PDB file of all heavy atoms in Angstrom:
ATOM      1  N   ARG A   1     -22.970 -12.295   9.060  1.00  0.00           N
ATOM      2  CA  ARG A   1     -22.144 -11.676  10.102  1.00  0.00           C
ATOM      3  C   ARG A   1     -21.242 -10.566   9.541  1.00  0.00           C
ATOM      4  O   ARG A   1     -20.980  -9.574  10.218  1.00  0.00           O
ATOM      5  CB  ARG A   1     -21.259 -12.724  10.769  1.00  0.00           C
ATOM      6  CG  ARG A   1     -22.023 -13.841  11.443  1.00  0.00           C
ATOM      7  CD  ARG A   1     -21.101 -14.720  12.277  1.00  0.00           C
ATOM      8  NE  ARG A   1     -20.086 -15.400  11.464  1.00  0.00           N
ATOM      9  CZ  ARG A   1     -18.768 -15.306  11.683  1.00  0.00           C
ATOM     10  NH1 ARG A   1     -18.304 -14.559  12.654  1.00  0.00           N
ATOM     11  NH2 ARG A   1     -17.916 -15.971  10.902  1.00  0.00           N
ATOM     12  N   PHE A   2     -20.768 -10.743   8.312  1.00  0.00           N
ATOM     13  CA  PHE A   2     -19.849  -9.781   7.692  1.00  0.00           C
ATOM     14  C   PHE A   2     -20.563  -9.047   6.560  1.00  0.00           C
ATOM     15  O   PHE A   2     -21.412  -9.617   5.871  1.00  0.00           O
ATOM     16  CB  PHE A   2     -18.636 -10.488   7.110  1.00  0.00           C
ATOM     17  CG  PHE A   2     -17.698 -11.092   8.119  1.00  0.00           C
ATOM     18  CD1 PHE A   2     -18.005 -11.182   9.467  1.00  0.00           C
ATOM     19  CD2 PHE A   2     -16.465 -11.583   7.699  1.00  0.00           C
ATOM     20  CE1 PHE A   2     -17.126 -11.729  10.380  1.00  0.00           C
ATOM     21  CE2 PHE A   2     -15.572 -12.144   8.596  1.00  0.00           C
ATOM     22  CZ  PHE A   2     -15.919 -12.225   9.935  1.00  0.00           C
ATOM     23  N   THR A   3     -20.166  -7.802   6.367  1.00  0.00           N
ATOM     24  CA  THR A   3     -20.709  -7.005   5.273  1.00  0.00           C
ATOM     25  C   THR A   3     -19.578  -6.263   4.574  1.00  0.00           C
ATOM     26  O   THR A   3     -18.792  -5.570   5.234  1.00  0.00           O
ATOM     27  CB  THR A   3     -21.739  -5.981   5.776  1.00  0.00           C
ATOM     28  OG1 THR A   3     -22.791  -6.658   6.470  1.00  0.00           O
ATOM     29  CG2 THR A   3     -22.333  -5.202   4.609  1.00  0.00           C
ATOM     30  N   ILE A   4     -19.505  -6.410   3.263  1.00  0.00           N
ATOM     31  CA  ILE A   4     -18.508  -5.697   2.475  1.00  0.00           C
ATOM     32  C   ILE A   4     -19.181  -4.524   1.784  1.00  0.00           C
ATOM     33  O   ILE A   4     -20.334  -4.622   1.340  1.00  0.00           O
ATOM     34  CB  ILE A   4     -17.826  -6.629   1.441  1.00  0.00           C
ATOM     35  CG1 ILE A   4     -16.642  -5.929   0.766  1.00  0.00           C
ATOM     36  CG2 ILE A   4     -18.826  -7.148   0.413  1.00  0.00           C
ATOM     37  CD1 ILE A   4     -15.793  -6.864  -0.084  1.00  0.00           C
ATOM     38  N   ALA A   5     -18.466  -3.410   1.717  1.00  0.00           N
ATOM     39  CA  ALA A   5     -19.011  -2.220   1.065  1.00  0.00           C
ATOM     40  C   ALA A   5     -17.852  -1.422   0.475  1.00  0.00           C
ATOM     41  O   ALA A   5     -16.726  -1.497   0.967  1.00  0.00           O
ATOM     42  CB  ALA A   5     -19.784  -1.367   2.069  1.00  0.00           C
ATOM     43  N   ARG A   6     -18.143  -0.682  -0.574  1.00  0.00           N
ATOM     44  CA  ARG A   6     -17.108   0.147  -1.176  1.00  0.00           C
ATOM     45  C   ARG A   6     -17.593   1.593  -1.263  1.00  0.00           C
ATOM     46  O   ARG A   6     -18.770   1.856  -1.485  1.00  0.00           O
ATOM     47  CB  ARG A   6     -16.710  -0.380  -2.565  1.00  0.00           C
ATOM     48  CG  ARG A   6     -17.799  -0.391  -3.600  1.00  0.00           C
ATOM     49  CD  ARG A   6     -17.393  -1.220  -4.820  1.00  0.00           C
ATOM     50  NE  ARG A   6     -16.235  -0.662  -5.510  1.00  0.00           N
ATOM     51  CZ  ARG A   6     -15.475  -1.343  -6.374  1.00  0.00           C
ATOM     52  NH1 ARG A   6     -15.752  -2.611  -6.631  1.00  0.00           N
ATOM     53  NH2 ARG A   6     -14.461  -0.769  -6.978  1.00  0.00           N
ATOM     54  N   ASP A   7     -16.646   2.488  -1.062  1.00  0.00           N
ATOM     55  CA  ASP A   7     -16.914   3.914  -1.188  1.00  0.00           C
ATOM     56  C   ASP A   7     -16.037   4.412  -2.331  1.00  0.00           C
ATOM     57  O   ASP A   7     -14.840   4.659  -2.151  1.00  0.00           O
ATOM     58  CB  ASP A   7     -16.577   4.629   0.128  1.00  0.00           C
ATOM     59  CG  ASP A   7     -16.930   6.106   0.096  1.00  0.00           C
ATOM     60  OD1 ASP A   7     -16.963   6.697  -1.004  1.00  0.00           O
ATOM     61  OD2 ASP A   7     -17.158   6.677   1.167  1.00  0.00           O
ATOM     62  N   ASN A   8     -16.640   4.534  -3.504  1.00  0.00           N
ATOM     63  CA  ASN A   8     -15.840   4.884  -4.672  1.00  0.00           C
ATOM     64  C   ASN A   8     -15.254   6.291  -4.569  1.00  0.00           C
ATOM     65  O   ASN A   8     -14.145   6.550  -5.054  1.00  0.00           O
ATOM     66  CB  ASN A   8     -16.683   4.764  -5.943  1.00  0.00           C
ATOM     67  CG  ASN A   8     -16.978   3.312  -6.296  1.00  0.00           C
ATOM     68  OD1 ASN A   8     -16.273   2.405  -5.864  1.00  0.00           O
ATOM     69  ND2 ASN A   8     -18.024   3.092  -7.055  1.00  0.00           N
ATOM     70  N   ALA A   9     -15.970   7.198  -3.926  1.00  0.00           N
ATOM     71  CA  ALA A   9     -15.468   8.571  -3.795  1.00  0.00           C
ATOM     72  C   ALA A   9     -14.205   8.613  -2.936  1.00  0.00           C
ATOM     73  O   ALA A   9     -13.286   9.387  -3.197  1.00  0.00           O
ATOM     74  CB  ALA A   9     -16.545   9.467  -3.207  1.00  0.00           C
ATOM     75  N   LYS A  10     -14.163   7.758  -1.919  1.00  0.00           N
ATOM     76  CA  LYS A  10     -13.012   7.738  -1.010  1.00  0.00           C
ATOM     77  C   LYS A  10     -12.014   6.639  -1.360  1.00  0.00           C
ATOM     78  O   LYS A  10     -11.001   6.482  -0.671  1.00  0.00           O
ATOM     79  CB  LYS A  10     -13.482   7.567   0.429  1.00  0.00           C
ATOM     80  CG  LYS A  10     -14.308   8.734   0.939  1.00  0.00           C
ATOM     81  CD  LYS A  10     -14.682   8.547   2.396  1.00  0.00           C
ATOM     82  CE  LYS A  10     -15.469   9.752   2.908  1.00  0.00           C
ATOM     83  NZ  LYS A  10     -15.858   9.589   4.340  1.00  0.00           N
ATOM     84  N   ARG A  11     -12.319   5.878  -2.414  1.00  0.00           N
ATOM     85  CA  ARG A  11     -11.412   4.826  -2.873  1.00  0.00           C
ATOM     86  C   ARG A  11     -11.103   3.827  -1.754  1.00  0.00           C
ATOM     87  O   ARG A  11      -9.956   3.455  -1.522  1.00  0.00           O
ATOM     88  CB  ARG A  11     -10.122   5.418  -3.441  1.00  0.00           C
ATOM     89  CG  ARG A  11     -10.331   6.390  -4.593  1.00  0.00           C
ATOM     90  CD  ARG A  11      -9.007   6.973  -5.065  1.00  0.00           C
ATOM     91  NE  ARG A  11      -8.121   5.925  -5.526  1.00  0.00           N
ATOM     92  CZ  ARG A  11      -8.118   5.445  -6.760  1.00  0.00           C
ATOM     93  NH1 ARG A  11      -8.984   5.902  -7.660  1.00  0.00           N
ATOM     94  NH2 ARG A  11      -7.254   4.511  -7.119  1.00  0.00           N
ATOM     95  N   THR A  12     -12.133   3.438  -1.048  1.00  0.00           N
ATOM     96  CA  THR A  12     -11.940   2.486   0.040  1.00  0.00           C
ATOM     97  C   THR A  12     -12.957   1.349  -0.046  1.00  0.00           C
ATOM     98  O   THR A  12     -14.054   1.508  -0.588  1.00  0.00           O
ATOM     99  CB  THR A  12     -12.086   3.168   1.408  1.00  0.00           C
ATOM    100  OG1 THR A  12     -13.376   3.785   1.484  1.00  0.00           O
ATOM    101  CG2 THR A  12     -11.004   4.199   1.642  1.00  0.00           C
ATOM    102  N   VAL A  13     -12.557   0.223   0.513  1.00  0.00           N
ATOM    103  CA  VAL A  13     -13.437  -0.920   0.685  1.00  0.00           C
ATOM    104  C   VAL A  13     -13.417  -1.288   2.156  1.00  0.00           C
ATOM    105  O   VAL A  13     -12.354  -1.330   2.776  1.00  0.00           O
ATOM    106  CB  VAL A  13     -12.978  -2.126  -0.148  1.00  0.00           C
ATOM    107  CG1 VAL A  13     -13.874  -3.332   0.113  1.00  0.00           C
ATOM    108  CG2 VAL A  13     -12.995  -1.785  -1.625  1.00  0.00           C
ATOM    109  N   HIS A  14     -14.588  -1.526   2.700  1.00  0.00           N
ATOM    110  CA  HIS A  14     -14.702  -1.843   4.121  1.00  0.00           C
ATOM    111  C   HIS A  14     -15.241  -3.252   4.298  1.00  0.00           C
ATOM    112  O   HIS A  14     -15.997  -3.760   3.465  1.00  0.00           O
ATOM    113  CB  HIS A  14     -15.637  -0.857   4.808  1.00  0.00           C
ATOM    114  CG  HIS A  14     -15.232   0.565   4.668  1.00  0.00           C
ATOM    115  ND1 HIS A  14     -14.150   1.099   5.339  1.00  0.00           N
ATOM    116  CD2 HIS A  14     -15.744   1.571   3.925  1.00  0.00           C
ATOM    117  CE1 HIS A  14     -14.022   2.372   5.028  1.00  0.00           C
ATOM    118  NE2 HIS A  14     -14.970   2.689   4.159  1.00  0.00           N
ATOM    119  N   LEU A  15     -14.867  -3.858   5.408  1.00  0.00           N
ATOM    120  CA  LEU A  15     -15.441  -5.131   5.811  1.00  0.00           C
ATOM    121  C   LEU A  15     -15.895  -4.986   7.255  1.00  0.00           C
ATOM    122  O   LEU A  15     -15.068  -4.906   8.157  1.00  0.00           O
ATOM    123  CB  LEU A  15     -14.433  -6.281   5.674  1.00  0.00           C
ATOM    124  CG  LEU A  15     -14.987  -7.664   5.975  1.00  0.00           C
ATOM    125  CD1 LEU A  15     -15.981  -8.079   4.887  1.00  0.00           C
ATOM    126  CD2 LEU A  15     -13.864  -8.688   6.085  1.00  0.00           C
ATOM    127  N   GLN A  16     -17.200  -4.911   7.432  1.00  0.00           N
ATOM    128  CA  GLN A  16     -17.763  -4.850   8.781  1.00  0.00           C
ATOM    129  C   GLN A  16     -17.955  -6.276   9.275  1.00  0.00           C
ATOM    130  O   GLN A  16     -18.652  -7.069   8.629  1.00  0.00           O
ATOM    131  CB  GLN A  16     -19.105  -4.110   8.763  1.00  0.00           C
ATOM    132  CG  GLN A  16     -19.786  -4.047  10.112  1.00  0.00           C
ATOM    133  CD  GLN A  16     -19.025  -3.215  11.118  1.00  0.00           C
ATOM    134  OE1 GLN A  16     -18.510  -2.149  10.792  1.00  0.00           O
ATOM    135  NE2 GLN A  16     -18.925  -3.702  12.351  1.00  0.00           N
ATOM    136  N   MET A  17     -17.328  -6.588  10.385  1.00  0.00           N
ATOM    137  CA  MET A  17     -17.370  -7.944  10.928  1.00  0.00           C
ATOM    138  C   MET A  17     -18.046  -7.923  12.280  1.00  0.00           C
ATOM    139  O   MET A  17     -17.546  -7.292  13.222  1.00  0.00           O
ATOM    140  CB  MET A  17     -15.950  -8.509  11.050  1.00  0.00           C
ATOM    141  CG  MET A  17     -15.163  -8.444   9.755  1.00  0.00           C
ATOM    142  SD  MET A  17     -13.571  -9.277   9.851  1.00  0.00           S
ATOM    143  CE  MET A  17     -12.727  -8.237  11.042  1.00  0.00           C
ATOM    144  N   ASN A  18     -19.175  -8.585  12.384  1.00  0.00           N
ATOM    145  CA  ASN A  18     -19.932  -8.672  13.628  1.00  0.00           C
ATOM    146  C   ASN A  18     -19.974 -10.116  14.115  1.00  0.00           C
ATOM    147  O   ASN A  18     -19.702 -11.048  13.358  1.00  0.00           O
ATOM    148  CB  ASN A  18     -21.359  -8.159  13.413  1.00  0.00           C
ATOM    149  CG  ASN A  18     -21.396  -6.711  12.973  1.00  0.00           C
ATOM    150  OD1 ASN A  18     -20.556  -5.892  13.378  1.00  0.00           O
ATOM    151  ND2 ASN A  18     -22.376  -6.358  12.153  1.00  0.00           N
ATOM    152  N   SER A  19     -20.333 -10.279  15.360  1.00  0.00           N
ATOM    153  CA  SER A  19     -20.458 -11.623  15.953  1.00  0.00           C
ATOM    154  C   SER A  19     -19.213 -12.452  15.675  1.00  0.00           C
ATOM    155  O   SER A  19     -19.302 -13.615  15.248  1.00  0.00           O
ATOM    156  CB  SER A  19     -21.706 -12.328  15.409  1.00  0.00           C
ATOM    157  OG  SER A  19     -22.867 -11.577  15.671  1.00  0.00           O
ATOM    158  N   LEU A  20     -18.078 -11.872  15.919  1.00  0.00           N
ATOM    159  CA  LEU A  20     -16.823 -12.556  15.603  1.00  0.00           C
ATOM    160  C   LEU A  20     -16.635 -13.794  16.470  1.00  0.00           C
ATOM    161  O   LEU A  20     -17.057 -13.839  17.642  1.00  0.00           O
ATOM    162  CB  LEU A  20     -15.649 -11.597  15.781  1.00  0.00           C
ATOM    163  CG  LEU A  20     -15.486 -10.604  14.625  1.00  0.00           C
ATOM    164  CD1 LEU A  20     -14.637  -9.416  15.053  1.00  0.00           C
ATOM    165  CD2 LEU A  20     -14.863 -11.298  13.422  1.00  0.00           C
ATOM    166  N   LYS A  21     -16.000 -14.796  15.867  1.00  0.00           N
ATOM    167  CA  LYS A  21     -15.745 -16.074  16.520  1.00  0.00           C
ATOM    168  C   LYS A  21     -14.239 -16.318  16.552  1.00  0.00           C
ATOM    169  O   LYS A  21     -13.502 -15.800  15.701  1.00  0.00           O
ATOM    170  CB  LYS A  21     -16.416 -17.194  15.734  1.00  0.00           C
ATOM    171  CG  LYS A  21     -17.906 -17.015  15.515  1.00  0.00           C
ATOM    172  CD  LYS A  21     -18.456 -18.120  14.621  1.00  0.00           C
ATOM    173  CE  LYS A  21     -19.943 -17.938  14.365  1.00  0.00           C
ATOM    174  NZ  LYS A  21     -20.481 -19.014  13.487  1.00  0.00           N
ATOM    175  N   PRO A  22     -13.783 -17.137  17.492  1.00  0.00           N
ATOM    176  CA  PRO A  22     -12.339 -17.444  17.524  1.00  0.00           C
ATOM    177  C   PRO A  22     -11.828 -17.996  16.191  1.00  0.00           C
ATOM    178  O   PRO A  22     -10.680 -17.724  15.812  1.00  0.00           O
ATOM    179  CB  PRO A  22     -12.242 -18.479  18.640  1.00  0.00           C
ATOM    180  CG  PRO A  22     -13.364 -18.128  19.564  1.00  0.00           C
ATOM    181  CD  PRO A  22     -14.486 -17.693  18.656  1.00  0.00           C
ATOM    182  N   GLU A  23     -12.661 -18.724  15.484  1.00  0.00           N
ATOM    183  CA  GLU A  23     -12.230 -19.288  14.197  1.00  0.00           C
ATOM    184  C   GLU A  23     -12.104 -18.236  13.103  1.00  0.00           C
ATOM    185  O   GLU A  23     -11.664 -18.537  11.985  1.00  0.00           O
ATOM    186  CB  GLU A  23     -13.172 -20.406  13.741  1.00  0.00           C
ATOM    187  CG  GLU A  23     -14.638 -20.033  13.743  1.00  0.00           C
ATOM    188  CD  GLU A  23     -15.358 -20.494  15.010  1.00  0.00           C
ATOM    189  OE1 GLU A  23     -14.771 -20.337  16.115  1.00  0.00           O
ATOM    190  OE2 GLU A  23     -16.490 -20.992  14.887  1.00  0.00           O
ATOM    191  N   ASP A  24     -12.492 -16.999  13.374  1.00  0.00           N
ATOM    192  CA  ASP A  24     -12.266 -15.907  12.430  1.00  0.00           C
ATOM    193  C   ASP A  24     -10.849 -15.349  12.537  1.00  0.00           C
ATOM    194  O   ASP A  24     -10.447 -14.520  11.711  1.00  0.00           O
ATOM    195  CB  ASP A  24     -13.266 -14.770  12.663  1.00  0.00           C
ATOM    196  CG  ASP A  24     -14.696 -15.154  12.338  1.00  0.00           C
ATOM    197  OD1 ASP A  24     -14.907 -15.817  11.306  1.00  0.00           O
ATOM    198  OD2 ASP A  24     -15.600 -14.789  13.126  1.00  0.00           O
ATOM    199  N   THR A  25     -10.101 -15.788  13.531  1.00  0.00           N
ATOM    200  CA  THR A  25      -8.738 -15.311  13.705  1.00  0.00           C
ATOM    201  C   THR A  25      -7.902 -15.612  12.476  1.00  0.00           C
ATOM    202  O   THR A  25      -7.814 -16.761  12.033  1.00  0.00           O
ATOM    203  CB  THR A  25      -8.093 -15.962  14.942  1.00  0.00           C
ATOM    204  OG1 THR A  25      -8.792 -15.525  16.109  1.00  0.00           O
ATOM    205  CG2 THR A  25      -6.623 -15.592  15.050  1.00  0.00           C
ATOM    206  N   ALA A  26      -7.290 -14.571  11.905  1.00  0.00           N
ATOM    207  CA  ALA A  26      -6.523 -14.723  10.670  1.00  0.00           C
ATOM    208  C   ALA A  26      -5.903 -13.390  10.296  1.00  0.00           C
ATOM    209  O   ALA A  26      -6.249 -12.348  10.870  1.00  0.00           O
ATOM    210  CB  ALA A  26      -7.432 -15.191   9.528  1.00  0.00           C
ATOM    211  N   VAL A  27      -5.019 -13.435   9.325  1.00  0.00           N
ATOM    212  CA  VAL A  27      -4.568 -12.215   8.661  1.00  0.00           C
ATOM    213  C   VAL A  27      -5.526 -11.966   7.505  1.00  0.00           C
ATOM    214  O   VAL A  27      -5.755 -12.856   6.686  1.00  0.00           O
ATOM    215  CB  VAL A  27      -3.126 -12.342   8.147  1.00  0.00           C
ATOM    216  CG1 VAL A  27      -2.716 -11.066   7.403  1.00  0.00           C
ATOM    217  CG2 VAL A  27      -2.170 -12.611   9.301  1.00  0.00           C
ATOM    218  N   PHE A  28      -6.080 -10.784   7.463  1.00  0.00           N
ATOM    219  CA  PHE A  28      -7.039 -10.410   6.426  1.00  0.00           C
ATOM    220  C   PHE A  28      -6.334  -9.553   5.374  1.00  0.00           C
ATOM    221  O   PHE A  28      -5.634  -8.589   5.714  1.00  0.00           O
ATOM    222  CB  PHE A  28      -8.211  -9.651   7.033  1.00  0.00           C
ATOM    223  CG  PHE A  28      -9.203 -10.538   7.725  1.00  0.00           C
ATOM    224  CD1 PHE A  28      -8.883 -11.171   8.923  1.00  0.00           C
ATOM    225  CD2 PHE A  28     -10.465 -10.763   7.183  1.00  0.00           C
ATOM    226  CE1 PHE A  28      -9.799 -12.006   9.563  1.00  0.00           C
ATOM    227  CE2 PHE A  28     -11.387 -11.590   7.814  1.00  0.00           C
ATOM    228  CZ  PHE A  28     -11.051 -12.210   9.003  1.00  0.00           C
ATOM    229  N   TYR A  29      -6.550  -9.911   4.122  1.00  0.00           N
ATOM    230  CA  TYR A  29      -5.898  -9.234   3.008  1.00  0.00           C
ATOM    231  C   TYR A  29      -6.925  -8.600   2.080  1.00  0.00           C
ATOM    232  O   TYR A  29      -7.940  -9.220   1.737  1.00  0.00           O
ATOM    233  CB  TYR A  29      -5.078 -10.227   2.177  1.00  0.00           C
ATOM    234  CG  TYR A  29      -3.939 -10.868   2.906  1.00  0.00           C
ATOM    235  CD1 TYR A  29      -4.105 -12.068   3.586  1.00  0.00           C
ATOM    236  CD2 TYR A  29      -2.675 -10.282   2.920  1.00  0.00           C
ATOM    237  CE1 TYR A  29      -3.058 -12.675   4.255  1.00  0.00           C
ATOM    238  CE2 TYR A  29      -1.618 -10.872   3.586  1.00  0.00           C
ATOM    239  CZ  TYR A  29      -1.825 -12.067   4.252  1.00  0.00           C
ATOM    240  OH  TYR A  29      -0.773 -12.656   4.910  1.00  0.00           O
ATOM    241  N   CYS A  30      -6.629  -7.405   1.642  1.00  0.00           N
ATOM    242  CA  CYS A  30      -7.427  -6.742   0.625  1.00  0.00           C
ATOM    243  C   CYS A  30      -6.920  -7.167  -0.752  1.00  0.00           C
ATOM    244  O   CYS A  30      -5.707  -7.309  -0.955  1.00  0.00           O
ATOM    245  CB  CYS A  30      -7.297  -5.228   0.788  1.00  0.00           C
ATOM    246  SG  CYS A  30      -8.276  -4.258  -0.376  1.00  0.00           S
ATOM    247  N   ASN A  31      -7.840  -7.380  -1.655  1.00  0.00           N
ATOM    248  CA  ASN A  31      -7.492  -7.844  -3.001  1.00  0.00           C
ATOM    249  C   ASN A  31      -8.193  -7.009  -4.055  1.00  0.00           C
ATOM    250  O   ASN A  31      -9.356  -6.639  -3.891  1.00  0.00           O
ATOM    251  CB  ASN A  31      -7.896  -9.304  -3.153  1.00  0.00           C
ATOM    252  CG  ASN A  31      -7.808  -9.808  -4.583  1.00  0.00           C
ATOM    253  OD1 ASN A  31      -8.776  -9.757  -5.342  1.00  0.00           O
ATOM    254  ND2 ASN A  31      -6.635 -10.272  -4.957  1.00  0.00           N
ATOM    255  N   TYR A  32      -7.465  -6.731  -5.122  1.00  0.00           N
ATOM    256  CA  TYR A  32      -8.043  -6.100  -6.298  1.00  0.00           C
ATOM    257  C   TYR A  32      -7.727  -6.974  -7.502  1.00  0.00           C
ATOM    258  O   TYR A  32      -6.569  -7.353  -7.715  1.00  0.00           O
ATOM    259  CB  TYR A  32      -7.465  -4.703  -6.501  1.00  0.00           C
ATOM    260  CG  TYR A  32      -7.758  -4.088  -7.854  1.00  0.00           C
ATOM    261  CD1 TYR A  32      -9.057  -3.900  -8.284  1.00  0.00           C
ATOM    262  CD2 TYR A  32      -6.722  -3.687  -8.704  1.00  0.00           C
ATOM    263  CE1 TYR A  32      -9.329  -3.352  -9.516  1.00  0.00           C
ATOM    264  CE2 TYR A  32      -6.976  -3.136  -9.936  1.00  0.00           C
ATOM    265  CZ  TYR A  32      -8.285  -2.963 -10.346  1.00  0.00           C
ATOM    266  OH  TYR A  32      -8.555  -2.417 -11.573  1.00  0.00           O
ATOM    267  N   ARG A  33      -8.775  -7.340  -8.241  1.00  0.00           N
ATOM    268  CA  ARG A  33      -8.594  -8.199  -9.403  1.00  0.00           C
ATOM    269  C   ARG A  33      -8.914  -7.422 -10.666  1.00  0.00           C
ATOM    270  O   ARG A  33     -10.042  -6.934 -10.835  1.00  0.00           O
ATOM    271  CB  ARG A  33      -9.480  -9.433  -9.312  1.00  0.00           C
ATOM    272  CG  ARG A  33      -9.376 -10.357 -10.516  1.00  0.00           C
ATOM    273  CD  ARG A  33      -9.961 -11.708 -10.201  1.00  0.00           C
ATOM    274  NE  ARG A  33      -9.200 -12.379  -9.163  1.00  0.00           N
ATOM    275  CZ  ARG A  33      -9.611 -13.484  -8.539  1.00  0.00           C
ATOM    276  NH1 ARG A  33     -10.767 -14.021  -8.859  1.00  0.00           N
ATOM    277  NH2 ARG A  33      -8.863 -14.044  -7.614  1.00  0.00           N
ATOM    278  N   ALA A  34      -7.913  -7.318 -11.525  1.00  0.00           N
ATOM    279  CA  ALA A  34      -8.080  -6.650 -12.804  1.00  0.00           C
ATOM    280  C   ALA A  34      -7.790  -7.669 -13.891  1.00  0.00           C
ATOM    281  O   ALA A  34      -6.624  -7.980 -14.155  1.00  0.00           O
ATOM    282  CB  ALA A  34      -7.125  -5.468 -12.911  1.00  0.00           C
ATOM    283  N   GLY A  35      -8.837  -8.211 -14.472  1.00  0.00           N
ATOM    284  CA  GLY A  35      -8.658  -9.258 -15.474  1.00  0.00           C
ATOM    285  C   GLY A  35      -8.049 -10.487 -14.831  1.00  0.00           C
ATOM    286  O   GLY A  35      -8.598 -11.033 -13.881  1.00  0.00           O
ATOM    287  N   ALA A  36      -6.900 -10.898 -15.330  1.00  0.00           N
ATOM    288  CA  ALA A  36      -6.249 -12.093 -14.810  1.00  0.00           C
ATOM    289  C   ALA A  36      -5.217 -11.770 -13.730  1.00  0.00           C
ATOM    290  O   ALA A  36      -4.540 -12.672 -13.229  1.00  0.00           O
ATOM    291  CB  ALA A  36      -5.570 -12.842 -15.956  1.00  0.00           C
ATOM    292  N   ARG A  37      -5.102 -10.513 -13.373  1.00  0.00           N
ATOM    293  CA  ARG A  37      -4.059 -10.128 -12.424  1.00  0.00           C
ATOM    294  C   ARG A  37      -4.659  -9.770 -11.073  1.00  0.00           C
ATOM    295  O   ARG A  37      -5.672  -9.073 -10.994  1.00  0.00           O
ATOM    296  CB  ARG A  37      -3.270  -8.936 -12.966  1.00  0.00           C
ATOM    297  CG  ARG A  37      -2.099  -8.548 -12.084  1.00  0.00           C
ATOM    298  CD  ARG A  37      -1.067  -7.736 -12.802  1.00  0.00           C
ATOM    299  NE  ARG A  37       0.066  -7.456 -11.934  1.00  0.00           N
ATOM    300  CZ  ARG A  37       1.132  -6.782 -12.304  1.00  0.00           C
ATOM    301  NH1 ARG A  37       1.218  -6.302 -13.538  1.00  0.00           N
ATOM    302  NH2 ARG A  37       2.114  -6.567 -11.457  1.00  0.00           N
ATOM    303  N   ASP A  38      -3.996 -10.255 -10.015  1.00  0.00           N
ATOM    304  CA  ASP A  38      -4.384  -9.970  -8.644  1.00  0.00           C
ATOM    305  C   ASP A  38      -3.365  -9.056  -7.987  1.00  0.00           C
ATOM    306  O   ASP A  38      -2.154  -9.241  -8.139  1.00  0.00           O
ATOM    307  CB  ASP A  38      -4.479 -11.261  -7.820  1.00  0.00           C
ATOM    308  CG  ASP A  38      -5.772 -12.001  -8.050  1.00  0.00           C
ATOM    309  OD1 ASP A  38      -6.832 -11.359  -7.978  1.00  0.00           O
ATOM    310  OD2 ASP A  38      -5.716 -13.208  -8.305  1.00  0.00           O
ATOM    311  N   TYR A  39      -3.893  -8.092  -7.230  1.00  0.00           N
ATOM    312  CA  TYR A  39      -3.065  -7.215  -6.415  1.00  0.00           C
ATOM    313  C   TYR A  39      -3.474  -7.420  -4.956  1.00  0.00           C
ATOM    314  O   TYR A  39      -4.653  -7.588  -4.647  1.00  0.00           O
ATOM    315  CB  TYR A  39      -3.254  -5.756  -6.814  1.00  0.00           C
ATOM    316  CG  TYR A  39      -2.854  -5.445  -8.233  1.00  0.00           C
ATOM    317  CD1 TYR A  39      -3.762  -5.595  -9.278  1.00  0.00           C
ATOM    318  CD2 TYR A  39      -1.565  -5.023  -8.545  1.00  0.00           C
ATOM    319  CE1 TYR A  39      -3.400  -5.325 -10.587  1.00  0.00           C
ATOM    320  CE2 TYR A  39      -1.192  -4.743  -9.848  1.00  0.00           C
ATOM    321  CZ  TYR A  39      -2.120  -4.902 -10.870  1.00  0.00           C
ATOM    322  OH  TYR A  39      -1.752  -4.628 -12.158  1.00  0.00           O
ATOM    323  N   TRP A  40      -2.467  -7.354  -4.069  1.00  0.00           N
ATOM    324  CA  TRP A  40      -2.718  -7.642  -2.657  1.00  0.00           C
ATOM    325  C   TRP A  40      -2.145  -6.564  -1.769  1.00  0.00           C
ATOM    326  O   TRP A  40      -1.095  -5.993  -2.059  1.00  0.00           O
ATOM    327  CB  TRP A  40      -2.071  -8.973  -2.270  1.00  0.00           C
ATOM    328  CG  TRP A  40      -2.604 -10.152  -3.001  1.00  0.00           C
ATOM    329  CD1 TRP A  40      -2.106 -10.706  -4.135  1.00  0.00           C
ATOM    330  CD2 TRP A  40      -3.751 -10.937  -2.640  1.00  0.00           C
ATOM    331  NE1 TRP A  40      -2.874 -11.783  -4.509  1.00  0.00           N
ATOM    332  CE2 TRP A  40      -3.881 -11.949  -3.602  1.00  0.00           C
ATOM    333  CE3 TRP A  40      -4.665 -10.880  -1.582  1.00  0.00           C
ATOM    334  CZ2 TRP A  40      -4.900 -12.906  -3.559  1.00  0.00           C
ATOM    335  CZ3 TRP A  40      -5.676 -11.824  -1.536  1.00  0.00           C
ATOM    336  CH2 TRP A  40      -5.800 -12.817  -2.516  1.00  0.00           C
ATOM    337  N   GLY A  41      -2.837  -6.330  -0.663  1.00  0.00           N
ATOM    338  CA  GLY A  41      -2.255  -5.538   0.396  1.00  0.00           C
ATOM    339  C   GLY A  41      -1.363  -6.421   1.258  1.00  0.00           C
ATOM    340  O   GLY A  41      -1.252  -7.631   1.036  1.00  0.00           O
ATOM    341  N   LYS A  42      -0.757  -5.823   2.291  1.00  0.00           N
ATOM    342  CA  LYS A  42       0.154  -6.577   3.147  1.00  0.00           C
ATOM    343  C   LYS A  42      -0.577  -7.318   4.255  1.00  0.00           C
ATOM    344  O   LYS A  42       0.016  -8.166   4.918  1.00  0.00           O
ATOM    345  CB  LYS A  42       1.208  -5.636   3.730  1.00  0.00           C
ATOM    346  CG  LYS A  42       2.150  -5.073   2.677  1.00  0.00           C
ATOM    347  CD  LYS A  42       3.230  -4.213   3.303  1.00  0.00           C
ATOM    348  CE  LYS A  42       4.199  -3.702   2.225  1.00  0.00           C
ATOM    349  NZ  LYS A  42       5.275  -2.866   2.801  1.00  0.00           N
ATOM    350  N   GLY A  43      -1.832  -6.988   4.475  1.00  0.00           N
ATOM    351  CA  GLY A  43      -2.627  -7.708   5.449  1.00  0.00           C
ATOM    352  C   GLY A  43      -2.727  -7.010   6.791  1.00  0.00           C
ATOM    353  O   GLY A  43      -1.878  -6.205   7.158  1.00  0.00           O
TER     354      GLY A  43
END
């Protein structure tokens, strides 16, 4: 149902979400992991 893709030229990551269900309701956060460190967006 979901597809993740990255566009390195535009420095973006996308999440295409299809056939959404009520149980998909949530705050979605972007994450970048560099070694042992995690970085997060605000959601």
